[in-house]
C-alpha atoms as a PDB file:
ATOM      1  CA  MET A   1      -0.111   0.072  -0.155  1.00  0.00           C
ATOM      2  CA  THR A   2       1.315   3.310  -1.234  1.00  0.00           C
ATOM      3  CA  ARG A   3       0.992   6.393   1.019  1.00  0.00           C
ATOM      4  CA  THR A   4       0.886   9.604  -0.744  1.00  0.00           C
ATOM      5  CA  VAL A   5       2.608  12.424   1.364  1.00  0.00           C
ATOM      6  CA  PRO A   6       1.015  15.796   0.776  1.00  0.00           C
ATOM      7  CA  ARG A   7       3.358  18.433  -1.011  1.00  0.00           C
ATOM      8  CA  PRO A   8       4.141  21.354   1.338  1.00  0.00           C
ATOM      9  CA  SER A   9       2.218  24.755   0.607  1.00  0.00           C
ATOM     10  CA  THR A  10       3.618  27.407  -1.862  1.00  0.00           C
ATOM     11  CA  GLY A  11       4.402  29.665   1.190  1.00  0.00           C
ATOM     12  CA  ILE A  12       6.476  26.754   2.830  1.00  0.00           C
ATOM     13  CA  ARG A  13       8.306  26.303  -0.144  1.00  0.00           C
ATOM     14  CA  ILE A  14       8.955  30.061  -0.458  1.00  0.00           C
ATOM     15  CA  ALA A  15      10.121  29.990   3.054  1.00  0.00           C
ATOM     16  CA  ALA A  16      12.233  26.948   2.800  1.00  0.00           C
ATOM     17  CA  LEU A  17      14.219  28.736  -0.191  1.00  0.00           C
ATOM     18  CA  SER A  18      14.599  31.649   1.908  1.00  0.00           C
ATOM     19  CA  PHE A  19      16.345  29.739   4.635  1.00  0.00           C
ATOM     20  CA  MET A  20      18.358  27.745   2.466  1.00  0.00           C
ATOM     21  CA  LEU A  21      19.856  31.345   1.059  1.00  0.00           C
ATOM     22  CA  ASP A  22      21.051  32.266   4.367  1.00  0.00           C
ATOM     23  CA  ALA A  23      23.861  29.867   3.856  1.00  0.00           C
ATOM     24  CA  GLY A  24      25.354  32.400   1.700  1.00  0.00           C
ATOM     25  CA  PHE A  25      26.010  34.699   4.788  1.00  0.00           C
ATOM     26  CA  GLY A  26      27.184  31.852   6.859  1.00  0.00           C
ATOM     27  CA  ILE A  27      29.618  31.106   4.134  1.00  0.00           C
ATOM     28  CA  ALA A  28      30.989  34.339   3.690  1.00  0.00           C
ATOM     29  CA  MET A  29      31.565  35.259   7.494  1.00  0.00           C
ATOM     30  CA  PRO A  30      34.354  32.886   7.801  1.00  0.00           C
ATOM     31  CA  PHE A  31      36.300  34.877   5.137  1.00  0.00           C
ATOM     32  CA  ALA A  32      35.085  38.061   6.396  1.00  0.00           C
ATOM     33  CA  LEU A  33      36.624  36.986   9.860  1.00  0.00           C
ATOM     34  CA  SER A  34      39.897  36.069   8.341  1.00  0.00           C
ATOM     35  CA  HIS A  35      40.319  39.084   6.520  1.00  0.00           C
ATOM     36  CA  LEU A  36      39.444  41.016   9.708  1.00  0.00           C
ATOM     37  CA  ALA A  37      42.059  38.955  11.664  1.00  0.00           C
ATOM     38  CA  ARG A  38      44.936  39.417   8.951  1.00  0.00           C
ATOM     39  CA  HIS A  39      44.366  43.146   8.338  1.00  0.00           C
ATOM     40  CA  GLY A  40      42.615  44.617  11.269  1.00  0.00           C
ATOM     41  CA  GLU A  41      39.500  45.629   8.968  1.00  0.00           C
ATOM     42  CA  LEU A  42      36.320  44.251   7.590  1.00  0.00           C
ATOM     43  CA  PRO A  43      36.799  43.406   3.472  1.00  0.00           C
ATOM     44  CA  MET A  44      35.314  45.882   0.989  1.00  0.00           C
ATOM     45  CA  THR A  45      32.326  44.581  -1.186  1.00  0.00           C
ATOM     46  CA  PRO A  46      32.279  45.057  -4.748  1.00  0.00           C
ATOM     47  CA  TRP A  47      29.421  47.659  -4.139  1.00  0.00           C
ATOM     48  CA  GLY A  48      31.826  49.696  -2.259  1.00  0.00           C
ATOM     49  CA  PHE A  49      30.966  49.072   1.419  1.00  0.00           C
ATOM     50  CA  ARG A  50      32.371  47.041   3.921  1.00  0.00           C
ATOM     51  CA  ALA A  51      30.955  43.599   4.584  1.00  0.00           C
ATOM     52  CA  PHE A  52      29.187  42.985   7.880  1.00  0.00           C
ATOM     53  CA  ALA A  53      29.574  46.363   9.176  1.00  0.00           C
ATOM     54  CA  GLY A  54      27.034  47.272  11.531  1.00  0.00           C
ATOM     55  CA  PRO A  55      26.377  47.900  15.318  1.00  0.00           C
ATOM     56  CA  PHE A  56      28.784  44.881  16.235  1.00  0.00           C
ATOM     57  CA  GLU A  57      31.624  46.296  14.485  1.00  0.00           C
ATOM     58  CA  GLN A  58      31.770  48.497  17.726  1.00  0.00           C
ATOM     59  CA  LEU A  59      32.086  45.943  20.085  1.00  0.00           C
ATOM     60  CA  GLY A  60      35.811  44.756  19.479  1.00  0.00           C
ATOM     61  CA  HIS A  61      37.318  42.228  17.309  1.00  0.00           C
ATOM     62  CA  GLN A  62      36.808  39.222  19.377  1.00  0.00           C
ATOM     63  CA  ARG A  63      33.253  40.006  20.606  1.00  0.00           C
ATOM     64  CA  PHE A  64      32.331  40.765  16.813  1.00  0.00           C
ATOM     65  CA  ALA A  65      34.353  37.192  16.078  1.00  0.00           C
ATOM     66  CA  ALA A  66      32.285  35.639  18.355  1.00  0.00           C
ATOM     67  CA  LEU A  67      28.906  37.049  17.146  1.00  0.00           C
ATOM     68  CA  GLY A  68      30.447  36.182  13.522  1.00  0.00           C
ATOM     69  CA  TRP A  69      30.657  32.603  14.409  1.00  0.00           C
ATOM     70  CA  ALA A  70      27.268  32.637  15.774  1.00  0.00           C
ATOM     71  CA  LEU A  71      25.770  33.801  12.615  1.00  0.00           C
ATOM     72  CA  VAL A  72      27.602  31.147  10.790  1.00  0.00           C
ATOM     73  CA  GLY A  73      25.859  28.546  13.373  1.00  0.00           C
ATOM     74  CA  VAL A  74      22.293  30.295  12.796  1.00  0.00           C
ATOM     75  CA  CYS A  75      22.746  30.266   8.949  1.00  0.00           C
ATOM     76  CA  ALA A  76      23.852  26.573   9.081  1.00  0.00           C
ATOM     77  CA  LEU A  77      20.659  25.862  11.037  1.00  0.00           C
ATOM     78  CA  ASP A  78      18.479  27.852   8.774  1.00  0.00           C
ATOM     79  CA  ALA A  79      19.961  25.793   5.871  1.00  0.00           C
ATOM     80  CA  VAL A  80      18.879  22.926   7.730  1.00  0.00           C
ATOM     81  CA  SER A  81      15.586  24.218   8.278  1.00  0.00           C
ATOM     82  CA  GLY A  82      14.826  24.874   4.891  1.00  0.00           C
ATOM     83  CA  VAL A  83      15.684  21.643   3.512  1.00  0.00           C
ATOM     84  CA  TRP A  84      13.716  20.035   5.958  1.00  0.00           C
ATOM     85  CA  LEU A  85      10.764  22.402   4.794  1.00  0.00           C
ATOM     86  CA  TRP A  86      11.402  21.845   1.315  1.00  0.00           C
ATOM     87  CA  GLN A  87      10.654  18.027   2.389  1.00  0.00           C
ATOM     88  CA  GLY A  88       7.462  19.014   4.166  1.00  0.00           C
ATOM     89  CA  ARG A  89       8.815  18.350   7.670  1.00  0.00           C
ATOM     90  CA  ARG A  90       7.305  19.725  10.377  1.00  0.00           C
ATOM     91  CA  ARG A  91      10.649  19.862  12.488  1.00  0.00           C
ATOM     92  CA  GLY A  92      12.067  22.477   9.842  1.00  0.00           C
ATOM     93  CA  ALA A  93       9.073  24.818  10.948  1.00  0.00           C
ATOM     94  CA  SER A  94       9.943  24.453  14.544  1.00  0.00           C
ATOM     95  CA  LEU A  95      13.874  24.869  13.950  1.00  0.00           C
ATOM     96  CA  GLY A  96      13.375  27.838  11.519  1.00  0.00           C
ATOM     97  CA  LEU A  97      11.232  29.543  13.946  1.00  0.00           C
ATOM     98  CA  ALA A  98      13.424  28.890  16.618  1.00  0.00           C
ATOM     99  CA  MET A  99      16.157  30.402  14.761  1.00  0.00           C
ATOM    100  CA  SER A 100      14.077  33.788  13.515  1.00  0.00           C
ATOM    101  CA  PRO A 101      14.973  35.743  16.639  1.00  0.00           C
ATOM    102  CA  LEU A 102      18.397  35.126  16.476  1.00  0.00           C
ATOM    103  CA  ALA A 103      18.655  35.744  12.904  1.00  0.00           C
ATOM    104  CA  LEU A 104      16.777  38.717  13.183  1.00  0.00           C
ATOM    105  CA  ALA A 105      19.121  40.007  15.917  1.00  0.00           C
ATOM    106  CA  LEU A 106      22.358  39.284  14.018  1.00  0.00           C
ATOM    107  CA  SER A 107      21.114  40.471  10.923  1.00  0.00           C
ATOM    108  CA  GLY A 108      20.333  44.021  12.581  1.00  0.00           C
ATOM    109  CA  GLY A 109      23.788  43.572  14.135  1.00  0.00           C
ATOM    110  CA  PHE A 110      25.676  42.844  11.075  1.00  0.00           C
ATOM    111  CA  ALA A 111      23.680  45.346   9.004  1.00  0.00           C
ATOM    112  CA  LEU A 112      22.535  42.855   6.609  1.00  0.00           C
ATOM    113  CA  PRO A 113      19.196  44.050   4.977  1.00  0.00           C
ATOM    114  CA  PHE A 114      18.771  40.991   2.688  1.00  0.00           C
ATOM    115  CA  LEU A 115      18.603  39.032   5.963  1.00  0.00           C
ATOM    116  CA  LEU A 116      16.663  41.203   8.116  1.00  0.00           C
ATOM    117  CA  VAL A 117      13.988  41.868   5.872  1.00  0.00           C
ATOM    118  CA  PRO A 118      12.960  38.138   5.039  1.00  0.00           C
ATOM    119  CA  VAL A 119      13.137  36.786   8.298  1.00  0.00           C
ATOM    120  CA  PRO A 120       9.636  38.265   9.532  1.00  0.00           C
ATOM    121  CA  ILE A 121       8.046  37.257   6.377  1.00  0.00           C
ATOM    122  CA  ARG A 122       9.239  33.931   6.236  1.00  0.00           C
ATOM    123  CA  ALA A 123       7.952  33.311   9.814  1.00  0.00           C
ATOM    124  CA  ALA A 124       4.917  34.232   8.852  1.00  0.00           C
ATOM    125  CA  LEU A 125       4.783  32.365   5.731  1.00  0.00           C
ATOM    126  CA  VAL A 126       5.683  29.293   7.920  1.00  0.00           C
ATOM    127  CA  LEU A 127       3.173  29.466  10.556  1.00  0.00           C
ATOM    128  CA  THR A 128       0.323  30.225   8.120  1.00  0.00           C
ATOM    129  CA  GLY A 129       1.374  27.064   6.023  1.00  0.00           C
ATOM    130  CA  ARG A 130       2.684  25.002   9.111  1.00  0.00           C
ATOM    131  CA  ARG A 131      -0.550  22.842   8.219  1.00  0.00           C
ATOM    132  CA  SER A 132       0.722  21.377   5.086  1.00  0.00           C
ATOM    133  CA  LEU A 133       3.760  19.832   7.085  1.00  0.00           C
ATOM    134  CA  ARG A 134       3.862  16.216   8.330  1.00  0.00           C
END
């Protein structure tokens, strides 16, 4: 007997992609931290501003690095959440919603508008579409 598994809603799929795209910030942060350790300043982006330069930059290099590694961890967990959501797993919603306040705080501290803006939107998408998860 074959059991059909319901497909996650479109909103869940959009949220899943958003969570998975967070991996880009998590991948970039170790490079920024390495540059900071070698040169004493954050690297410049191709668009002419310093990468990850936000309020956390004023906390000093050690605290900035600790928060940077926290961002790496949150982004990694967000990516896992995104994969689980894409697969229609309820635990993806739980993990993603648990990481959302941390992602929001870290994105504000590192001045990451492309992370800051999607966090509340995808949380709303997960909350409204969670019934389509197994």
